[in-house]
């Protein structure tokens, strides 16, 4: 059991607003992140969950911080990071946001043909730079091609201890599904393939591997 240890988890999508009625986002349901939060609580962790907009009910005994934008998520993660023993960055964070946000709804005839985008700060990379020796940092890589290559690059570049790869091009797993299959890569060279299963079962398997 992980009594008195802190686990920080992010879940769900972020939204980057164009005007008060339109935003850029992704199909993340938050199910994997919430499954990890439940598993962490079951194992005795004190759990902080930072979540984007999802339709999942909060879990009793878990501290939940609701955010919308990537910047709001970054701030919430940084605020809780220094005391976290285990961090799982499961959220699907928007890489970019519109350079300009209109404060009134843009009418159809006024809507620009092109929307200029600017990059959001990479939350996981920032956490990797700040990581202390006692912390374990886990990232997620949602890929559609060259998955292993991209995941291993991300593992090294962002100073992670583990990265979980899933293929979001397969509609039966990943985004918005109750099921997934994951390949875990560690910074020490370990590779573990977790076969097609419910996200709750995969959360259990991930914790068993990571906590070893």
Foldseek 3Di string as FASTA:
>chain_A
DQAPAAEEEEFEKAWFAQEPPDTDIDQAQRLLRQLLQVLCVVVHHQYEYEYEDHDDDDDPRHHYHYDHALVVSLVVCVVPPPRHQEYEYHYDHDQKHFPDHYHHDQDPVRDDPDTDIDGDDDSLLVSLVVDDPRHAYEYEDADQPPFVVVQVVCCVNSNHQKYKYWHVVDVCADRPHQWTWIWMAGPVGDIDTRDIDGSNVVSNVVCVVVVD
